[in-house]
Amino acid sequence: MESVIQIGVFLFLTLLVAFLTWRKCAQAPSRGETSRDYFLANGGLSWVFIAGSITLTNLSTDQLVGMNGNQMALLALWELAAVVGLIILAKVFVPIYYKYNCTTTTELLEKRYNNHHIRATVGTLFLLGNVFIYLPTMLYGGSLFMQSMFKVDLSIMQLSVIFAVAGSAYAIFGGLRAVAVSDTYSGVGLLVMGLLVVFLALSAINFDFTGIPAERLTLIGDDNSPIPWHTLFTGMLFIQIFYWSTNQTITQRAMAAPNVKEAQKGVLSAALIRFCIVPAMVVIPGICAYKLYGKMGDATYGHLVGELMPTWLSGAFAAVMAAAVLTSFNSVLNSSAALYVCDIHEKYFNSKPDMKKLSTTVSIAFVVVALALVPVYSGTDSIINLLQQLNGLLSMPILSAFITGLLFRNVDARAVMLSVVFGTSLYAYFTFGWAPFHYIHMMFITLLSCVGVALFLNRALFRKKAEFVFTRKAQLDLSEKVA
C-alpha cells in the first residue's frame, strides 16, 4: 500500500508540473520561426522565470549528490563563489549581451572580433562540454540517486533512458519557454523539500556536530582538500565567471527577458536564492550522514533521504528530484541545440533552416551520445570533483576568448582561436600529465597563458597591435557602434 501511495504522489506531482507548464506556455504568444524566437522565447521571460530557471538548471543531482557525497562543509564555497559570478553576469555581461542583441553568448565573440569562425570554434567547444560531460553526468547522477534512495529494480542505464526521453520532450516540443516555466514550478518544490532534508538530517544528529572531524566542518581547506583556501584567490573567481557569465545554458535565460532591467532582476534574485538557501542544502545533509553512517561517497544523499524521509513524503521528494534532473538535462539540451543551429548550421550550411525540425534532429543525436557515455562516469569516486576538474579543458580557454575580446580591440580572431587550442592542450597536459599545483590553480595559469599567447600571436604573427579598453563605458560605446 505504501509503495502505491509513493508512486501515486510521484505521478500526480510530475503530471501537475507538466500541466501547469503547458497551460502557461499556451497563454504565451506563438513562437516564431527565427532562431531568436525559437531559443529565446520571443524575449518574453519575466524575472520570476529567469530566476527559477537559472536556479534549477544549476541545482540538480550532480550538485546535491556530488557535493553532499564529499561530506564536508568546504564544498559550500562553490555556491558562495557562485553568488559573485551571478552578480558579474547581472552587472557586467547582461548589458553587453543586450547591446549586441545576442542569441548565443558566442555571438558576442563574432561581433567583437568581426569573424564568424571564432564563434563556431568556441560554440563547438561548448557543445563538446555539454554532450560529453554535462549531459551524461546529469543522467548518471539522477539515476544513481533514484536507485540508491528507492532501491528500484532498474539499472543505471535504464533509469538514464527514462530521464533522457522525458527531459528531451520538454526541450524539443516546448523550447526555452517550456524549459524555463517547468524549471520554476519544479524549483519551488525542490527548494522546499531540500530544506526539509536539511532539517531531518540535523534532527537525526540532535543538532549536535560533536564527533565529526574538524576538517569536515571547516571552510578553510588545506592543501589536500578539494578546495585549498588559496585557490579562492586564483582560479575560483574565473571558474564562476565562465559558468555564470559565458555559459550558454545559464545566460540563455538572462537573454530571454524583454529588457536589461528585467534580466538583471531575475539574475540577482537567483543570486539571493543561492546565497540564502543552496549552501545548506548541498553540504549539511552530507556532514550529518558522515556522523550517522560514516564515509559513503556519492551514495550519501540518496541513502540519507531514503532513511529519514517519511514514507508518505518520499513520493513527493522523488518527483522534485526527478524534476531537477529533467530540467537541468533539458536546459543543457536546449542550449546545445541553440549553439549548433545558430553558431554552426546557420553559418555554414543553411541560413534559414526549418528550425523545429533541425532542433529536434540534433537534440536526438545529442541524447544518444549522452546515453552512450553514461557508463563511462559510473566508476568515478566523486562525480562533482571529476566534473569540476574536466571543466578546465574547455572553460578557461573559452573564457580567455571573451576576456581578450572585451578588454582589447584590434585583436585578430585567428590569434585567439590558436590560443584557445593551445589552452585546451595545456590544461589537458596539466590534468593527465604533469600537475605541479591544484587543478584550480592550473585553470588560472591556463587562462593567463591563453590571453598571453593570443596577444603575442596577434603582434608577432598577424602584425596587429592590441589596444586595451580601459572602462566598461568604453566597451558599451563600442558595442553601440557595432549593433
Protein backbone atom coordinates (compact mmCIF):
# COMPACT_ATOMS: atom_id res chain seq x y z
CA MET A 1 0.00 0.00 0.00
CA GLU A 2 2.85 2.40 0.87
CA SER A 3 4.52 1.85 -2.49
CA VAL A 4 1.22 2.58 -4.25
CA ILE A 5 0.96 5.88 -2.36
CA GLN A 6 4.56 6.77 -3.25
CA ILE A 7 4.02 6.09 -6.94
CA GLY A 8 0.68 7.89 -6.90
CA VAL A 9 2.13 11.06 -5.33
CA PHE A 10 5.09 10.93 -7.70
CA LEU A 11 2.91 10.66 -10.80
CA PHE A 12 0.46 13.31 -9.60
CA LEU A 13 3.14 15.94 -8.95
CA THR A 14 5.03 15.12 -12.14
CA LEU A 15 1.89 15.43 -14.25
CA LEU A 16 0.84 18.58 -12.37
CA VAL A 17 4.09 20.34 -13.32
CA ALA A 18 3.64 19.22 -16.93
CA PHE A 19 0.05 20.52 -16.98
CA LEU A 20 0.92 23.88 -15.41
CA THR A 21 3.81 24.27 -17.84
CA TRP A 22 1.56 23.50 -20.82
CA ARG A 23 -1.10 25.95 -19.62
CA LYS A 24 1.42 28.75 -19.05
CA CYS A 25 3.04 28.22 -22.45
CA ALA A 26 -0.34 28.05 -24.20
CA GLN A 27 -1.14 31.55 -22.89
CA ALA A 28 2.06 32.98 -24.40
CA PRO A 29 2.31 34.40 -27.94
CA SER A 30 3.05 31.80 -30.59
CA ARG A 31 6.71 31.07 -31.12
CA GLY A 32 8.26 32.42 -34.31
CA GLU A 33 10.45 30.56 -36.71
CA THR A 34 13.66 32.57 -36.33
CA SER A 35 16.42 31.23 -34.10
CA ARG A 36 15.96 34.16 -31.72
CA ASP A 37 12.24 33.47 -31.37
CA TYR A 38 12.78 29.73 -31.02
CA PHE A 39 15.62 29.75 -28.49
CA LEU A 40 14.86 32.97 -26.55
CA ALA A 41 11.10 32.52 -26.05
CA ASN A 42 10.31 35.65 -28.07
CA GLY A 43 12.09 37.66 -25.37
CA GLY A 44 9.11 37.05 -23.11
CA LEU A 45 10.53 35.58 -19.88
CA SER A 46 9.75 37.57 -16.74
CA TRP A 47 12.27 37.88 -13.91
CA VAL A 48 10.47 35.18 -11.90
CA PHE A 49 11.01 32.53 -14.56
CA ILE A 50 14.58 33.70 -15.22
CA ALA A 51 15.43 33.33 -11.52
CA GLY A 52 13.66 29.99 -11.24
CA SER A 53 15.20 28.54 -14.36
CA ILE A 54 18.74 29.66 -13.51
CA THR A 55 18.40 28.20 -10.02
CA LEU A 56 17.10 24.79 -11.04
CA THR A 57 19.26 24.48 -14.16
CA ASN A 58 22.30 24.52 -11.89
CA LEU A 59 20.82 22.81 -8.84
CA SER A 60 20.47 19.22 -9.94
CA THR A 61 21.52 15.83 -8.69
CA ASP A 62 25.14 16.38 -9.69
CA GLN A 63 25.14 19.20 -7.10
CA LEU A 64 23.03 17.55 -4.40
CA VAL A 65 24.51 14.08 -4.85
CA GLY A 66 28.07 15.15 -5.67
CA MET A 67 28.56 17.89 -3.09
CA ASN A 68 26.88 16.00 -0.26
CA GLY A 69 28.92 13.00 -1.33
CA ASN A 70 32.08 14.84 -0.24
CA GLN A 71 30.53 15.08 3.25
CA MET A 72 32.29 18.31 4.18
CA ALA A 73 31.32 21.97 4.60
CA LEU A 74 34.09 23.08 2.28
CA LEU A 75 32.03 22.37 -0.83
CA ALA A 76 29.71 25.27 0.10
CA LEU A 77 32.44 27.57 -1.22
CA TRP A 78 31.40 26.65 -4.77
CA GLU A 79 27.93 28.02 -4.08
CA LEU A 80 29.09 31.13 -2.22
CA ALA A 81 31.52 31.95 -5.02
CA ALA A 82 28.68 31.44 -7.49
CA VAL A 83 26.93 34.45 -5.97
CA VAL A 84 29.83 36.61 -7.16
CA GLY A 85 29.59 35.04 -10.63
CA LEU A 86 25.86 35.86 -10.85
CA ILE A 87 26.44 39.46 -9.78
CA ILE A 88 29.09 39.82 -12.51
CA LEU A 89 26.61 38.37 -15.02
CA ALA A 90 23.93 40.86 -13.99
CA LYS A 91 26.08 43.96 -13.80
CA VAL A 92 28.70 43.41 -16.49
CA PHE A 93 27.70 40.83 -19.08
CA VAL A 94 23.91 41.20 -19.35
CA PRO A 95 24.09 44.84 -20.57
CA ILE A 96 26.72 43.87 -23.16
CA TYR A 97 24.71 40.89 -24.46
CA TYR A 98 21.65 43.11 -24.87
CA LYS A 99 23.64 45.86 -26.57
CA TYR A 100 24.85 43.33 -29.12
CA ASN A 101 21.38 41.74 -29.42
CA CYS A 102 22.87 38.27 -28.89
CA THR A 103 21.05 34.97 -29.29
CA THR A 104 24.03 32.94 -28.06
CA THR A 105 26.94 34.04 -25.92
CA THR A 106 29.29 33.17 -28.75
CA GLU A 107 27.56 35.72 -30.98
CA LEU A 108 29.28 38.33 -28.82
CA LEU A 109 32.64 36.94 -29.96
CA GLU A 110 31.63 37.10 -33.61
CA LYS A 111 30.74 40.78 -33.29
CA ARG A 112 33.73 41.76 -31.15
CA TYR A 113 36.23 40.09 -33.48
CA ASN A 114 34.18 40.60 -36.66
CA ASN A 115 34.71 36.93 -37.53
CA HIS A 116 32.14 34.12 -37.51
CA HIS A 117 34.78 31.39 -37.40
CA ILE A 118 35.69 32.18 -33.80
CA ARG A 119 32.02 31.94 -32.92
CA ALA A 120 31.85 28.48 -34.44
CA THR A 121 35.10 27.40 -32.77
CA VAL A 122 34.02 28.38 -29.27
CA GLY A 123 30.48 27.15 -29.89
CA THR A 124 31.89 23.75 -30.81
CA LEU A 125 33.88 23.66 -27.57
CA PHE A 126 30.73 24.46 -25.60
CA LEU A 127 28.96 21.65 -27.45
CA LEU A 128 31.72 19.17 -26.65
CA GLY A 129 31.45 20.03 -22.96
CA ASN A 130 27.67 19.76 -22.96
CA VAL A 131 27.42 16.49 -24.86
CA PHE A 132 30.46 14.66 -23.48
CA ILE A 133 30.48 15.95 -19.88
CA TYR A 134 27.32 17.68 -18.66
CA LEU A 135 24.53 15.62 -20.24
CA PRO A 136 25.87 12.15 -19.33
CA THR A 137 26.84 13.17 -15.77
CA MET A 138 23.35 14.58 -15.18
CA LEU A 139 21.78 11.33 -16.34
CA TYR A 140 24.18 9.28 -14.23
CA GLY A 141 23.79 11.40 -11.08
CA GLY A 142 20.00 11.40 -11.25
CA SER A 143 19.80 7.67 -11.91
CA LEU A 144 22.22 6.89 -9.08
CA PHE A 145 20.13 8.95 -6.66
CA MET A 146 16.87 7.24 -7.61
CA GLN A 147 18.49 3.84 -7.41
CA SER A 148 20.13 4.41 -4.00
CA MET A 149 17.09 6.10 -2.42
CA PHE A 150 14.27 3.87 -3.64
CA LYS A 151 16.16 0.63 -4.27
CA VAL A 152 14.32 0.39 -7.59
CA ASP A 153 14.76 -2.74 -9.66
CA LEU A 154 16.15 -0.82 -12.62
CA SER A 155 19.75 -0.37 -13.74
CA ILE A 156 21.50 2.99 -14.00
CA MET A 157 21.25 2.72 -17.78
CA GLN A 158 17.52 2.00 -17.76
CA LEU A 159 16.83 4.96 -15.46
CA SER A 160 19.04 7.15 -17.65
CA VAL A 161 16.97 6.29 -20.71
CA ILE A 162 13.77 7.27 -18.87
CA PHE A 163 15.25 10.62 -17.81
CA ALA A 164 16.65 11.27 -21.28
CA VAL A 165 13.34 10.64 -23.05
CA ALA A 166 11.27 12.70 -20.63
CA GLY A 167 13.77 15.55 -20.42
CA SER A 168 14.26 15.85 -24.14
CA ALA A 169 10.49 16.08 -24.66
CA TYR A 170 10.40 19.45 -22.89
CA ALA A 171 13.36 20.79 -24.85
CA ILE A 172 12.21 19.51 -28.24
CA PHE A 173 8.50 20.25 -28.12
CA GLY A 174 8.35 23.24 -25.80
CA GLY A 175 11.53 25.20 -26.46
CA LEU A 176 13.10 27.54 -23.93
CA ARG A 177 9.78 28.82 -22.60
CA ALA A 178 8.62 25.34 -21.55
CA VAL A 179 12.04 24.61 -20.06
CA ALA A 180 12.08 27.83 -18.01
CA VAL A 181 8.49 27.51 -16.81
CA SER A 182 8.89 23.87 -15.75
CA ASP A 183 12.18 24.80 -14.06
CA THR A 184 10.44 27.42 -11.95
CA TYR A 185 7.49 25.30 -10.86
CA SER A 186 9.75 22.37 -10.04
CA GLY A 187 12.29 24.65 -8.36
CA VAL A 188 9.83 25.76 -5.70
CA GLY A 189 9.22 22.14 -4.75
CA LEU A 190 12.91 21.26 -4.79
CA LEU A 191 13.90 24.13 -2.51
CA VAL A 192 11.16 23.27 -0.02
CA MET A 193 11.96 19.56 0.01
CA GLY A 194 15.70 20.21 0.07
CA LEU A 195 15.36 22.36 3.17
CA LEU A 196 13.22 19.64 4.74
CA VAL A 197 16.06 17.16 4.20
CA VAL A 198 18.42 19.60 5.93
CA PHE A 199 16.09 19.76 8.94
CA LEU A 200 15.61 15.98 9.06
CA ALA A 201 19.37 15.41 8.89
CA LEU A 202 20.04 17.90 11.68
CA SER A 203 17.28 16.33 13.79
CA ALA A 204 18.79 12.87 13.28
CA ILE A 205 22.03 14.01 14.95
CA ASN A 206 20.14 16.14 17.53
CA PHE A 207 21.73 19.27 16.03
CA ASP A 208 24.99 18.08 17.58
CA PHE A 209 28.14 18.15 15.41
CA THR A 210 30.46 16.74 18.07
CA GLY A 211 32.44 13.74 16.95
CA ILE A 212 32.67 14.96 13.36
CA PRO A 213 36.31 15.62 12.34
CA ALA A 214 37.20 19.32 12.22
CA GLU A 215 38.35 19.10 8.59
CA ARG A 216 34.77 18.22 7.61
CA LEU A 217 33.34 21.31 9.29
CA THR A 218 35.83 23.98 8.25
CA LEU A 219 35.54 26.40 5.35
CA ILE A 220 39.32 26.81 5.19
CA GLY A 221 40.71 23.93 3.17
CA ASP A 222 44.28 22.69 3.43
CA ASP A 223 46.48 21.69 0.50
CA ASN A 224 44.99 18.18 0.36
CA SER A 225 41.35 19.24 0.44
CA PRO A 226 39.04 19.54 -2.60
CA ILE A 227 39.25 23.36 -2.35
CA PRO A 228 42.52 24.62 -0.79
CA TRP A 229 41.97 28.11 0.66
CA HIS A 230 44.49 29.76 -1.68
CA THR A 231 42.58 28.66 -4.79
CA LEU A 232 39.89 31.21 -3.85
CA PHE A 233 42.32 33.92 -4.95
CA THR A 234 43.27 32.42 -8.32
CA GLY A 235 41.07 30.19 -10.46
CA MET A 236 37.87 30.07 -8.40
CA LEU A 237 36.61 33.51 -9.44
CA PHE A 238 37.25 32.84 -13.13
CA ILE A 239 35.53 29.46 -12.96
CA GLN A 240 32.44 31.28 -11.73
CA ILE A 241 32.70 33.99 -14.38
CA PHE A 242 32.90 31.34 -17.07
CA TYR A 243 29.97 29.29 -15.78
CA TRP A 244 27.55 32.09 -14.95
CA SER A 245 28.50 34.77 -17.47
CA THR A 246 29.55 33.00 -20.67
CA ASN A 247 27.94 29.56 -20.44
CA GLN A 248 25.05 29.41 -22.93
CA THR A 249 22.94 27.18 -20.68
CA ILE A 250 22.77 29.86 -17.98
CA THR A 251 22.93 33.11 -19.93
CA GLN A 252 20.30 31.96 -22.43
CA ARG A 253 17.70 32.57 -19.71
CA ALA A 254 19.02 36.03 -18.96
CA MET A 255 18.98 36.93 -22.67
CA ALA A 256 15.31 35.93 -22.98
CA ALA A 257 13.87 38.82 -20.94
CA PRO A 258 12.02 41.77 -22.52
CA ASN A 259 14.77 44.18 -21.42
CA VAL A 260 18.01 44.51 -19.47
CA LYS A 261 16.37 45.53 -16.17
CA GLU A 262 14.06 42.51 -16.16
CA ALA A 263 17.00 40.22 -16.91
CA GLN A 264 19.11 41.75 -14.14
CA LYS A 265 16.26 41.43 -11.67
CA GLY A 266 15.97 37.73 -12.44
CA VAL A 267 19.72 37.08 -12.20
CA LEU A 268 20.08 38.96 -8.90
CA SER A 269 17.09 37.08 -7.47
CA ALA A 270 18.83 33.82 -8.41
CA ALA A 271 21.95 35.09 -6.61
CA LEU A 272 19.91 35.79 -3.47
CA ILE A 273 18.41 32.30 -3.51
CA ARG A 274 21.84 30.79 -3.95
CA PHE A 275 23.30 32.77 -1.05
CA CYS A 276 20.49 32.15 1.44
CA ILE A 277 19.34 28.60 0.69
CA VAL A 278 21.57 26.49 -1.54
CA PRO A 279 24.80 26.21 0.56
CA ALA A 280 22.95 24.48 3.40
CA MET A 281 21.26 22.05 1.01
CA VAL A 282 24.50 20.86 -0.60
CA VAL A 283 26.65 20.24 2.49
CA ILE A 284 24.68 19.84 5.75
CA PRO A 285 22.96 16.52 4.84
CA GLY A 286 26.30 15.03 3.82
CA ILE A 287 28.00 16.12 7.03
CA CYS A 288 25.18 14.68 9.14
CA ALA A 289 25.33 11.44 7.16
CA TYR A 290 29.03 11.16 8.00
CA LYS A 291 28.16 11.13 11.70
CA LEU A 292 25.30 8.69 11.18
CA TYR A 293 26.80 6.24 8.69
CA GLY A 294 30.44 7.14 8.08
CA LYS A 295 32.01 7.82 4.68
CA MET A 296 29.67 6.86 1.84
CA GLY A 297 30.67 8.89 -1.23
CA ASP A 298 28.14 9.72 -3.94
CA ALA A 299 25.55 7.32 -2.47
CA THR A 300 25.29 9.52 0.66
CA TYR A 301 22.38 11.77 -0.26
CA GLY A 302 20.11 9.06 -1.64
CA HIS A 303 20.77 6.77 1.33
CA LEU A 304 20.15 9.56 3.86
CA VAL A 305 16.89 10.62 2.27
CA GLY A 306 15.73 7.03 1.99
CA GLU A 307 16.37 6.50 5.71
CA LEU A 308 14.95 9.78 7.08
CA MET A 309 12.21 10.88 4.73
CA PRO A 310 8.72 9.86 5.92
CA THR A 311 7.20 7.30 3.59
CA TRP A 312 4.23 9.49 2.79
CA LEU A 313 6.60 12.23 1.58
CA SER A 314 9.05 10.08 -0.35
CA GLY A 315 6.91 10.12 -3.48
CA ALA A 316 6.85 13.93 -3.43
CA PHE A 317 10.61 14.05 -2.94
CA ALA A 318 11.14 11.64 -5.82
CA ALA A 319 9.01 13.91 -8.01
CA VAL A 320 11.05 17.06 -7.28
CA MET A 321 14.35 15.23 -7.64
CA ALA A 322 13.23 13.76 -10.95
CA ALA A 323 12.19 17.28 -11.97
CA ALA A 324 15.66 18.56 -11.02
CA VAL A 325 17.27 16.00 -13.31
CA LEU A 326 14.82 16.64 -16.14
CA THR A 327 15.07 20.42 -16.02
CA SER A 328 18.85 20.50 -15.86
CA PHE A 329 19.06 17.97 -18.66
CA ASN A 330 16.56 19.73 -20.91
CA SER A 331 18.20 23.10 -20.23
CA VAL A 332 21.60 21.89 -21.41
CA LEU A 333 19.99 20.08 -24.33
CA ASN A 334 18.10 23.20 -25.43
CA SER A 335 21.20 25.38 -25.21
CA SER A 336 23.21 22.77 -27.13
CA ALA A 337 20.68 22.84 -29.94
CA ALA A 338 20.87 26.65 -29.95
CA LEU A 339 24.66 26.56 -30.22
CA TYR A 340 24.62 24.12 -33.11
CA VAL A 341 21.83 25.82 -35.04
CA CYS A 342 22.99 29.43 -34.56
CA ASP A 343 26.76 29.05 -34.46
CA ILE A 344 27.35 26.27 -36.95
CA HIS A 345 24.39 25.29 -39.14
CA GLU A 346 23.16 28.79 -40.00
CA LYS A 347 26.72 29.99 -40.64
CA TYR A 348 27.98 27.12 -42.79
CA PHE A 349 25.05 25.07 -44.13
CA ASN A 350 21.72 26.88 -44.33
CA SER A 351 20.99 30.40 -43.10
CA LYS A 352 17.23 29.74 -42.95
CA PRO A 353 16.65 26.15 -41.85
CA ASP A 354 13.43 24.53 -40.67
CA MET A 355 14.10 25.49 -37.05
CA LYS A 356 11.90 22.93 -35.32
CA LYS A 357 12.94 20.01 -37.50
CA LEU A 358 16.65 20.81 -37.24
CA SER A 359 16.50 21.39 -33.48
CA THR A 360 14.68 18.10 -32.99
CA THR A 361 17.18 16.16 -35.10
CA VAL A 362 20.31 17.48 -33.39
CA SER A 363 18.72 17.14 -29.93
CA ILE A 364 18.02 13.46 -30.52
CA ALA A 365 21.60 12.97 -31.70
CA PHE A 366 22.97 14.65 -28.56
CA VAL A 367 20.77 12.48 -26.34
CA VAL A 368 22.00 9.28 -27.99
CA VAL A 369 25.65 10.28 -27.47
CA ALA A 370 25.00 11.26 -23.83
CA LEU A 371 23.34 7.91 -23.09
CA ALA A 372 26.27 6.05 -24.63
CA LEU A 373 28.64 7.86 -22.26
CA VAL A 374 26.74 7.22 -19.01
CA PRO A 375 28.73 4.02 -18.25
CA VAL A 376 31.99 5.97 -18.55
CA TYR A 377 31.12 8.03 -15.46
CA SER A 378 29.69 5.20 -13.37
CA GLY A 379 33.04 4.22 -11.89
CA THR A 380 34.12 7.62 -10.58
CA ASP A 381 34.71 8.17 -6.84
CA SER A 382 33.23 11.70 -6.79
CA ILE A 383 31.17 12.93 -9.70
CA ILE A 384 31.31 16.59 -8.65
CA ASN A 385 35.10 16.67 -8.23
CA LEU A 386 35.61 14.96 -11.60
CA LEU A 387 33.13 17.34 -13.22
CA GLN A 388 34.89 20.44 -11.90
CA GLN A 389 38.29 19.15 -12.97
CA LEU A 390 37.23 18.22 -16.51
CA ASN A 391 35.57 21.61 -16.95
CA GLY A 392 39.01 23.20 -17.14
CA LEU A 393 39.65 21.56 -20.51
CA LEU A 394 37.15 23.95 -22.05
CA SER A 395 36.23 26.64 -19.54
CA MET A 396 39.45 28.62 -19.27
CA PRO A 397 40.33 28.57 -23.00
CA ILE A 398 36.77 29.71 -23.78
CA LEU A 399 36.80 32.39 -21.10
CA SER A 400 40.12 33.71 -22.43
CA ALA A 401 38.42 34.45 -25.78
CA PHE A 402 35.77 36.54 -24.01
CA ILE A 403 38.27 38.36 -21.79
CA THR A 404 40.57 39.17 -24.71
CA GLY A 405 37.65 40.35 -26.83
CA LEU A 406 36.15 42.56 -24.12
CA LEU A 407 39.38 44.07 -22.78
CA PHE A 408 41.19 44.57 -26.09
CA ARG A 409 40.38 45.68 -29.61
CA ASN A 410 42.32 45.20 -32.84
CA VAL A 411 42.96 41.54 -31.99
CA ASP A 412 42.92 39.09 -34.89
CA ALA A 413 40.38 36.29 -34.38
CA ARG A 414 42.88 33.75 -35.71
CA ALA A 415 45.27 34.56 -32.86
CA VAL A 416 42.51 33.90 -30.34
CA MET A 417 41.44 30.65 -31.98
CA LEU A 418 45.02 29.39 -31.88
CA SER A 419 45.31 30.42 -28.22
CA VAL A 420 42.11 28.50 -27.41
CA VAL A 421 43.52 25.33 -28.97
CA PHE A 422 46.77 25.94 -27.09
CA GLY A 423 44.90 26.38 -23.79
CA THR A 424 42.93 23.16 -24.19
CA SER A 425 46.12 21.24 -24.88
CA LEU A 426 47.93 22.91 -21.97
CA TYR A 427 45.22 22.07 -19.45
CA ALA A 428 44.99 18.51 -20.79
CA TYR A 429 48.71 18.19 -20.09
CA PHE A 430 48.21 19.55 -16.58
CA THR A 431 45.32 17.14 -15.96
CA PHE A 432 46.66 13.93 -17.46
CA GLY A 433 50.39 14.55 -17.32
CA TRP A 434 52.24 17.00 -15.08
CA ALA A 435 50.23 18.71 -12.30
CA PRO A 436 52.53 20.73 -10.02
CA PHE A 437 49.63 22.61 -8.38
CA HIS A 438 45.96 22.12 -7.56
CA TYR A 439 43.76 21.98 -10.67
CA ILE A 440 42.06 25.29 -9.77
CA HIS A 441 45.47 26.97 -9.84
CA MET A 442 46.12 25.21 -13.15
CA MET A 443 42.92 26.75 -14.52
CA PHE A 444 44.16 30.22 -13.60
CA ILE A 445 47.55 29.56 -15.20
CA THR A 446 45.80 28.24 -18.32
CA LEU A 447 43.64 31.38 -18.55
CA LEU A 448 46.60 33.77 -18.26
CA SER A 449 48.58 31.70 -20.75
CA CYS A 450 45.76 31.80 -23.30
CA VAL A 451 45.40 35.58 -23.12
CA GLY A 452 49.17 36.00 -23.30
CA VAL A 453 49.50 33.67 -26.30
CA ALA A 454 46.64 35.44 -28.11
CA LEU A 455 48.27 38.86 -27.68
CA PHE A 456 51.69 37.52 -28.63
CA LEU A 457 50.45 35.83 -31.81
CA ASN A 458 48.38 38.89 -32.66
CA ARG A 459 51.54 41.01 -32.70
CA ALA A 460 54.18 38.52 -33.87
CA LEU A 461 52.21 36.50 -36.42
CA PHE A 462 49.43 38.81 -37.61
CA ARG A 463 51.26 42.15 -37.19
CA LYS A 464 48.49 43.84 -35.20
CA LYS A 465 48.86 45.89 -32.04
CA ALA A 466 46.14 45.22 -29.47
CA GLU A 467 44.59 48.27 -27.79
CA PHE A 468 43.45 47.95 -24.20
CA VAL A 469 39.87 49.06 -23.48
CA PHE A 470 40.04 50.74 -20.10
CA THR A 471 36.45 51.16 -18.97
CA ARG A 472 33.14 49.39 -19.18
CA LYS A 473 31.66 52.57 -20.64
CA ALA A 474 34.12 52.33 -23.50
CA GLN A 475 33.05 48.73 -24.09
CA LEU A 476 29.40 49.75 -24.31
CA ASP A 477 30.25 52.65 -26.60
CA LEU A 478 31.99 50.21 -28.90
CA SER A 479 29.00 47.90 -28.85
CA GLU A 480 26.69 50.74 -29.89
CA LYS A 481 28.83 51.29 -32.99
CA VAL A 482 28.66 47.64 -33.94
CA ALA A 483 24.99 46.97 -33.19
